[in-house]
Amino acid sequence: MGEHHAREWPSAEIPMEFAIYLAQQFGRDARVTKLLKRTRIVIVPIINADGFIASRTAVDPADTLGDPVAC
């Protein structure tokens, strides 16, 4: 599981890289192949989807300083 906190966007990359690694190593690496044949693995890159969307679309007040239209 990745990204529990809305503004920690890079933390979602770790589970995705793990998923890519498992997919690429299946059939090549004996340990990975055995793991995937015996265990169900669920990759959840973003736990807090609502917070992620809100934080990605939020306007930073510091970006609007000096712009009377944006204030």
PDB file of N, CA and C in Angstrom:
ATOM      1  N   MET A   1       0.841  -1.178   0.000  1.00  0.00           N
ATOM      2  CA  MET A   1       0.000   0.000   0.000  1.00  0.00           C
ATOM      3  C   MET A   1       0.886   1.241   0.000  1.00  0.00           C
ATOM      4  N   GLY A   2       0.450   2.191  -0.759  1.00  0.00           N
ATOM      5  CA  GLY A   2       1.199   3.435  -0.840  1.00  0.00           C
ATOM      6  C   GLY A   2       0.318   4.630  -0.542  1.00  0.00           C
ATOM      7  N   GLU A   3       0.875   5.747  -0.594  1.00  0.00           N
ATOM      8  CA  GLU A   3       0.292   7.055  -0.347  1.00  0.00           C
ATOM      9  C   GLU A   3      -0.886   7.079   0.605  1.00  0.00           C
ATOM     10  N   HIS A   4      -0.553   7.165   1.874  1.00  0.00           N
ATOM     11  CA  HIS A   4      -1.574   7.301   2.916  1.00  0.00           C
ATOM     12  C   HIS A   4      -1.926   8.772   3.118  1.00  0.00           C
ATOM     13  N   HIS A   5      -0.954   9.648   2.965  1.00  0.00           N
ATOM     14  CA  HIS A   5      -1.142  11.073   3.201  1.00  0.00           C
ATOM     15  C   HIS A   5      -1.241  11.792   1.860  1.00  0.00           C
ATOM     16  N   ALA A   6      -2.198  12.670   1.740  1.00  0.00           N
ATOM     17  CA  ALA A   6      -2.553  13.281   0.460  1.00  0.00           C
ATOM     18  C   ALA A   6      -1.387  13.940  -0.268  1.00  0.00           C
ATOM     19  N   ARG A   7      -0.510  14.597   0.430  1.00  0.00           N
ATOM     20  CA  ARG A   7       0.552  15.346  -0.247  1.00  0.00           C
ATOM     21  C   ARG A   7       1.862  14.569  -0.395  1.00  0.00           C
ATOM     22  N   GLU A   8       1.846  13.304  -0.104  1.00  0.00           N
ATOM     23  CA  GLU A   8       3.052  12.482  -0.273  1.00  0.00           C
ATOM     24  C   GLU A   8       2.959  11.719  -1.593  1.00  0.00           C
ATOM     25  N   TRP A   9       2.869  12.462  -2.689  1.00  0.00           N
ATOM     26  CA  TRP A   9       2.636  11.881  -4.005  1.00  0.00           C
ATOM     27  C   TRP A   9       3.668  10.835  -4.416  1.00  0.00           C
ATOM     28  N   PRO A  10       4.953  11.029  -4.173  1.00  0.00           N
ATOM     29  CA  PRO A  10       5.931  10.019  -4.623  1.00  0.00           C
ATOM     30  C   PRO A  10       5.781   8.658  -3.947  1.00  0.00           C
ATOM     31  N   SER A  11       5.114   8.608  -2.790  1.00  0.00           N
ATOM     32  CA  SER A  11       4.995   7.326  -2.100  1.00  0.00           C
ATOM     33  C   SER A  11       4.146   6.319  -2.867  1.00  0.00           C
ATOM     34  N   ALA A  12       3.381   6.761  -3.838  1.00  0.00           N
ATOM     35  CA  ALA A  12       2.594   5.840  -4.670  1.00  0.00           C
ATOM     36  C   ALA A  12       3.479   5.103  -5.670  1.00  0.00           C
ATOM     37  N   GLU A  13       4.665   5.608  -5.916  1.00  0.00           N
ATOM     38  CA  GLU A  13       5.571   4.979  -6.885  1.00  0.00           C
ATOM     39  C   GLU A  13       6.167   3.670  -6.374  1.00  0.00           C
ATOM     40  N   ILE A  14       6.357   3.549  -5.086  1.00  0.00           N
ATOM     41  CA  ILE A  14       6.997   2.357  -4.527  1.00  0.00           C
ATOM     42  C   ILE A  14       6.180   1.097  -4.803  1.00  0.00           C
ATOM     43  N   PRO A  15       4.878   1.090  -4.508  1.00  0.00           N
ATOM     44  CA  PRO A  15       4.103  -0.116  -4.839  1.00  0.00           C
ATOM     45  C   PRO A  15       4.066  -0.396  -6.342  1.00  0.00           C
ATOM     46  N   MET A  16       4.043   0.648  -7.149  1.00  0.00           N
ATOM     47  CA  MET A  16       4.025   0.444  -8.602  1.00  0.00           C
ATOM     48  C   MET A  16       5.337  -0.170  -9.088  1.00  0.00           C
ATOM     49  N   GLU A  17       6.450   0.288  -8.551  1.00  0.00           N
ATOM     50  CA  GLU A  17       7.744  -0.300  -8.921  1.00  0.00           C
ATOM     51  C   GLU A  17       7.827  -1.753  -8.471  1.00  0.00           C
ATOM     52  N   PHE A  18       7.257  -2.056  -7.310  1.00  0.00           N
ATOM     53  CA  PHE A  18       7.223  -3.431  -6.822  1.00  0.00           C
ATOM     54  C   PHE A  18       6.400  -4.308  -7.767  1.00  0.00           C
ATOM     55  N   ALA A  19       5.256  -3.798  -8.212  1.00  0.00           N
ATOM     56  CA  ALA A  19       4.406  -4.546  -9.147  1.00  0.00           C
ATOM     57  C   ALA A  19       5.136  -4.798 -10.464  1.00  0.00           C
ATOM     58  N   ILE A  20       5.815  -3.800 -10.966  1.00  0.00           N
ATOM     59  CA  ILE A  20       6.580  -3.950 -12.215  1.00  0.00           C
ATOM     60  C   ILE A  20       7.675  -4.990 -12.035  1.00  0.00           C
ATOM     61  N   TYR A  21       8.358  -4.916 -10.902  1.00  0.00           N
ATOM     62  CA  TYR A  21       9.423  -5.886 -10.617  1.00  0.00           C
ATOM     63  C   TYR A  21       8.872  -7.312 -10.617  1.00  0.00           C
ATOM     64  N   LEU A  22       7.757  -7.521  -9.911  1.00  0.00           N
ATOM     65  CA  LEU A  22       7.172  -8.864  -9.852  1.00  0.00           C
ATOM     66  C   LEU A  22       6.779  -9.358 -11.238  1.00  0.00           C
ATOM     67  N   ALA A  23       6.161  -8.491 -12.022  1.00  0.00           N
ATOM     68  CA  ALA A  23       5.727  -8.888 -13.363  1.00  0.00           C
ATOM     69  C   ALA A  23       6.921  -9.229 -14.254  1.00  0.00           C
ATOM     70  N   GLN A  24       7.983  -8.451 -14.161  1.00  0.00           N
ATOM     71  CA  GLN A  24       9.159  -8.701 -14.996  1.00  0.00           C
ATOM     72  C   GLN A  24       9.942  -9.935 -14.563  1.00  0.00           C
ATOM     73  N   GLN A  25       9.907 -10.244 -13.276  1.00  0.00           N
ATOM     74  CA  GLN A  25      10.701 -11.358 -12.771  1.00  0.00           C
ATOM     75  C   GLN A  25       9.962 -12.693 -12.772  1.00  0.00           C
ATOM     76  N   PHE A  26       8.647 -12.675 -13.005  1.00  0.00           N
ATOM     77  CA  PHE A  26       7.901 -13.923 -13.040  1.00  0.00           C
ATOM     78  C   PHE A  26       8.433 -14.804 -14.165  1.00  0.00           C
ATOM     79  N   GLY A  27       8.778 -16.021 -13.829  1.00  0.00           N
ATOM     80  CA  GLY A  27       9.334 -16.952 -14.805  1.00  0.00           C
ATOM     81  C   GLY A  27      10.843 -16.829 -14.977  1.00  0.00           C
ATOM     82  N   ARG A  28      11.425 -15.788 -14.436  1.00  0.00           N
ATOM     83  CA  ARG A  28      12.881 -15.568 -14.522  1.00  0.00           C
ATOM     84  C   ARG A  28      13.566 -15.823 -13.184  1.00  0.00           C
ATOM     85  N   ASP A  29      12.933 -15.361 -12.130  1.00  0.00           N
ATOM     86  CA  ASP A  29      13.477 -15.490 -10.779  1.00  0.00           C
ATOM     87  C   ASP A  29      12.650 -16.538 -10.047  1.00  0.00           C
ATOM     88  N   ALA A  30      13.306 -17.575  -9.561  1.00  0.00           N
ATOM     89  CA  ALA A  30      12.600 -18.689  -8.923  1.00  0.00           C
ATOM     90  C   ALA A  30      11.816 -18.242  -7.690  1.00  0.00           C
ATOM     91  N   ARG A  31      12.388 -17.341  -6.897  1.00  0.00           N
ATOM     92  CA  ARG A  31      11.693 -16.895  -5.683  1.00  0.00           C
ATOM     93  C   ARG A  31      10.435 -16.108  -6.022  1.00  0.00           C
ATOM     94  N   VAL A  32      10.533 -15.218  -7.000  1.00  0.00           N
ATOM     95  CA  VAL A  32       9.373 -14.420  -7.403  1.00  0.00           C
ATOM     96  C   VAL A  32       8.304 -15.318  -8.011  1.00  0.00           C
ATOM     97  N   THR A  33       8.706 -16.242  -8.862  1.00  0.00           N
ATOM     98  CA  THR A  33       7.754 -17.153  -9.494  1.00  0.00           C
ATOM     99  C   THR A  33       7.028 -17.987  -8.445  1.00  0.00           C
ATOM    100  N   LYS A  34       7.763 -18.508  -7.498  1.00  0.00           N
ATOM    101  CA  LYS A  34       7.162 -19.313  -6.428  1.00  0.00           C
ATOM    102  C   LYS A  34       6.193 -18.462  -5.600  1.00  0.00           C
ATOM    103  N   LEU A  35       6.614 -17.249  -5.273  1.00  0.00           N
ATOM    104  CA  LEU A  35       5.775 -16.338  -4.501  1.00  0.00           C
ATOM    105  C   LEU A  35       4.456 -16.071  -5.227  1.00  0.00           C
ATOM    106  N   LEU A  36       4.530 -15.759  -6.508  1.00  0.00           N
ATOM    107  CA  LEU A  36       3.321 -15.417  -7.256  1.00  0.00           C
ATOM    108  C   LEU A  36       2.422 -16.622  -7.505  1.00  0.00           C
ATOM    109  N   LYS A  37       2.981 -17.796  -7.540  1.00  0.00           N
ATOM    110  CA  LYS A  37       2.164 -18.993  -7.714  1.00  0.00           C
ATOM    111  C   LYS A  37       1.458 -19.401  -6.421  1.00  0.00           C
ATOM    112  N   ARG A  38       2.009 -18.988  -5.289  1.00  0.00           N
ATOM    113  CA  ARG A  38       1.467 -19.423  -3.989  1.00  0.00           C
ATOM    114  C   ARG A  38       0.668 -18.350  -3.269  1.00  0.00           C
ATOM    115  N   THR A  39       0.849 -17.093  -3.634  1.00  0.00           N
ATOM    116  CA  THR A  39       0.291 -15.996  -2.854  1.00  0.00           C
ATOM    117  C   THR A  39      -0.435 -14.998  -3.742  1.00  0.00           C
ATOM    118  N   ARG A  40      -1.563 -14.525  -3.279  1.00  0.00           N
ATOM    119  CA  ARG A  40      -2.247 -13.439  -3.987  1.00  0.00           C
ATOM    120  C   ARG A  40      -1.674 -12.131  -3.478  1.00  0.00           C
ATOM    121  N   ILE A  41      -1.207 -11.314  -4.381  1.00  0.00           N
ATOM    122  CA  ILE A  41      -0.630 -10.024  -4.016  1.00  0.00           C
ATOM    123  C   ILE A  41      -1.515  -8.933  -4.603  1.00  0.00           C
ATOM    124  N   VAL A  42      -1.930  -8.025  -3.752  1.00  0.00           N
ATOM    125  CA  VAL A  42      -2.767  -6.913  -4.177  1.00  0.00           C
ATOM    126  C   VAL A  42      -1.948  -5.638  -4.031  1.00  0.00           C
ATOM    127  N   ILE A  43      -1.785  -4.926  -5.121  1.00  0.00           N
ATOM    128  CA  ILE A  43      -1.024  -3.677  -5.122  1.00  0.00           C
ATOM    129  C   ILE A  43      -2.026  -2.524  -5.069  1.00  0.00           C
ATOM    130  N   VAL A  44      -1.898  -1.680  -4.062  1.00  0.00           N
ATOM    131  CA  VAL A  44      -2.772  -0.522  -3.903  1.00  0.00           C
ATOM    132  C   VAL A  44      -1.873   0.710  -3.820  1.00  0.00           C
ATOM    133  N   PRO A  45      -1.647   1.380  -4.939  1.00  0.00           N
ATOM    134  CA  PRO A  45      -0.705   2.494  -4.918  1.00  0.00           C
ATOM    135  C   PRO A  45      -1.202   3.733  -4.172  1.00  0.00           C
ATOM    136  N   ILE A  46      -2.522   3.976  -4.171  1.00  0.00           N
ATOM    137  CA  ILE A  46      -3.057   5.163  -3.505  1.00  0.00           C
ATOM    138  C   ILE A  46      -4.188   4.739  -2.581  1.00  0.00           C
ATOM    139  N   ILE A  47      -3.998   4.940  -1.284  1.00  0.00           N
ATOM    140  CA  ILE A  47      -5.009   4.594  -0.299  1.00  0.00           C
ATOM    141  C   ILE A  47      -6.003   5.737  -0.133  1.00  0.00           C
ATOM    142  N   ASN A  48      -5.501   6.949  -0.130  1.00  0.00           N
ATOM    143  CA  ASN A  48      -6.315   8.139   0.111  1.00  0.00           C
ATOM    144  C   ASN A  48      -6.592   8.836  -1.221  1.00  0.00           C
ATOM    145  N   ALA A  49      -7.455   8.248  -2.036  1.00  0.00           N
ATOM    146  CA  ALA A  49      -7.719   8.794  -3.370  1.00  0.00           C
ATOM    147  C   ALA A  49      -8.362  10.181  -3.308  1.00  0.00           C
ATOM    148  N   ASP A  50      -9.288  10.387  -2.396  1.00  0.00           N
ATOM    149  CA  ASP A  50      -9.934  11.696  -2.286  1.00  0.00           C
ATOM    150  C   ASP A  50      -8.927  12.784  -1.918  1.00  0.00           C
ATOM    151  N   GLY A  51      -8.069  12.480  -0.949  1.00  0.00           N
ATOM    152  CA  GLY A  51      -7.055  13.451  -0.557  1.00  0.00           C
ATOM    153  C   GLY A  51      -6.053  13.708  -1.664  1.00  0.00           C
ATOM    154  N   PHE A  52      -5.714  12.660  -2.414  1.00  0.00           N
ATOM    155  CA  PHE A  52      -4.781  12.805  -3.539  1.00  0.00           C
ATOM    156  C   PHE A  52      -5.358  13.758  -4.577  1.00  0.00           C
ATOM    157  N   ILE A  53      -6.601  13.548  -4.957  1.00  0.00           N
ATOM    158  CA  ILE A  53      -7.238  14.395  -5.975  1.00  0.00           C
ATOM    159  C   ILE A  53      -7.354  15.829  -5.467  1.00  0.00           C
ATOM    160  N   ALA A  54      -7.781  15.992  -4.220  1.00  0.00           N
ATOM    161  CA  ALA A  54      -7.926  17.337  -3.663  1.00  0.00           C
ATOM    162  C   ALA A  54      -6.591  18.056  -3.591  1.00  0.00           C
ATOM    163  N   SER A  55      -5.532  17.357  -3.204  1.00  0.00           N
ATOM    164  CA  SER A  55      -4.231  18.011  -3.078  1.00  0.00           C
ATOM    165  C   SER A  55      -3.616  18.320  -4.435  1.00  0.00           C
ATOM    166  N   ARG A  56      -3.948  17.552  -5.453  1.00  0.00           N
ATOM    167  CA  ARG A  56      -3.411  17.810  -6.794  1.00  0.00           C
ATOM    168  C   ARG A  56      -4.136  18.956  -7.487  1.00  0.00           C
ATOM    169  N   THR A  57      -5.357  19.254  -7.074  1.00  0.00           N
ATOM    170  CA  THR A  57      -6.126  20.317  -7.719  1.00  0.00           C
ATOM    171  C   THR A  57      -6.219  21.572  -6.862  1.00  0.00           C
ATOM    172  N   ALA A  58      -5.667  21.542  -5.662  1.00  0.00           N
ATOM    173  CA  ALA A  58      -5.729  22.693  -4.758  1.00  0.00           C
ATOM    174  C   ALA A  58      -4.857  23.827  -5.276  1.00  0.00           C
ATOM    175  N   VAL A  59      -5.274  25.028  -4.989  1.00  0.00           N
ATOM    176  CA  VAL A  59      -4.508  26.219  -5.360  1.00  0.00           C
ATOM    177  C   VAL A  59      -3.693  26.641  -4.152  1.00  0.00           C
ATOM    178  N   ASP A  60      -2.416  26.834  -4.354  1.00  0.00           N
ATOM    179  CA  ASP A  60      -1.532  27.299  -3.289  1.00  0.00           C
ATOM    180  C   ASP A  60      -1.665  28.818  -3.192  1.00  0.00           C
ATOM    181  N   PRO A  61      -2.078  29.349  -2.032  1.00  0.00           N
ATOM    182  CA  PRO A  61      -2.229  30.809  -1.907  1.00  0.00           C
ATOM    183  C   PRO A  61      -0.944  31.550  -2.222  1.00  0.00           C
ATOM    184  N   ALA A  62       0.198  30.956  -1.995  1.00  0.00           N
ATOM    185  CA  ALA A  62       1.471  31.616  -2.295  1.00  0.00           C
ATOM    186  C   ALA A  62       1.626  31.845  -3.794  1.00  0.00           C
ATOM    187  N   ASP A  63       0.988  31.002  -4.610  1.00  0.00           N
ATOM    188  CA  ASP A  63       1.076  31.173  -6.066  1.00  0.00           C
ATOM    189  C   ASP A  63       0.234  32.334  -6.572  1.00  0.00           C
ATOM    190  N   THR A  64      -0.717  32.801  -5.772  1.00  0.00           N
ATOM    191  CA  THR A  64      -1.615  33.870  -6.228  1.00  0.00           C
ATOM    192  C   THR A  64      -1.237  35.238  -5.687  1.00  0.00           C
ATOM    193  N   LEU A  65      -0.177  35.331  -4.898  1.00  0.00           N
ATOM    194  CA  LEU A  65       0.239  36.637  -4.360  1.00  0.00           C
ATOM    195  C   LEU A  65       0.591  37.577  -5.500  1.00  0.00           C
ATOM    196  N   GLY A  66       0.096  38.775  -5.402  1.00  0.00           N
ATOM    197  CA  GLY A  66       0.387  39.763  -6.424  1.00  0.00           C
ATOM    198  C   GLY A  66      -0.559  39.701  -7.613  1.00  0.00           C
ATOM    199  N   ASP A  67      -1.441  38.732  -7.638  1.00  0.00           N
ATOM    200  CA  ASP A  67      -2.406  38.608  -8.732  1.00  0.00           C
ATOM    201  C   ASP A  67      -3.784  38.972  -8.183  1.00  0.00           C
ATOM    202  N   PRO A  68      -4.258  40.212  -8.390  1.00  0.00           N
ATOM    203  CA  PRO A  68      -5.520  40.632  -7.778  1.00  0.00           C
ATOM    204  C   PRO A  68      -6.726  39.835  -8.288  1.00  0.00           C
ATOM    205  N   VAL A  69      -6.645  39.288  -9.462  1.00  0.00           N
ATOM    206  CA  VAL A  69      -7.762  38.512 -10.006  1.00  0.00           C
ATOM    207  C   VAL A  69      -7.911  37.195  -9.270  1.00  0.00           C
ATOM    208  N   ALA A  70      -6.774  36.559  -8.926  1.00  0.00           N
ATOM    209  CA  ALA A  70      -6.799  35.262  -8.265  1.00  0.00           C
ATOM    210  C   ALA A  70      -7.193  35.358  -6.798  1.00  0.00           C
ATOM    211  N   CYS A  71      -7.035  36.537  -6.189  1.00  0.00           N
ATOM    212  CA  CYS A  71      -7.357  36.695  -4.768  1.00  0.00           C
ATOM    213  C   CYS A  71      -8.790  36.899  -4.622  1.00  0.00           C
TER     214      CYS A  71
END
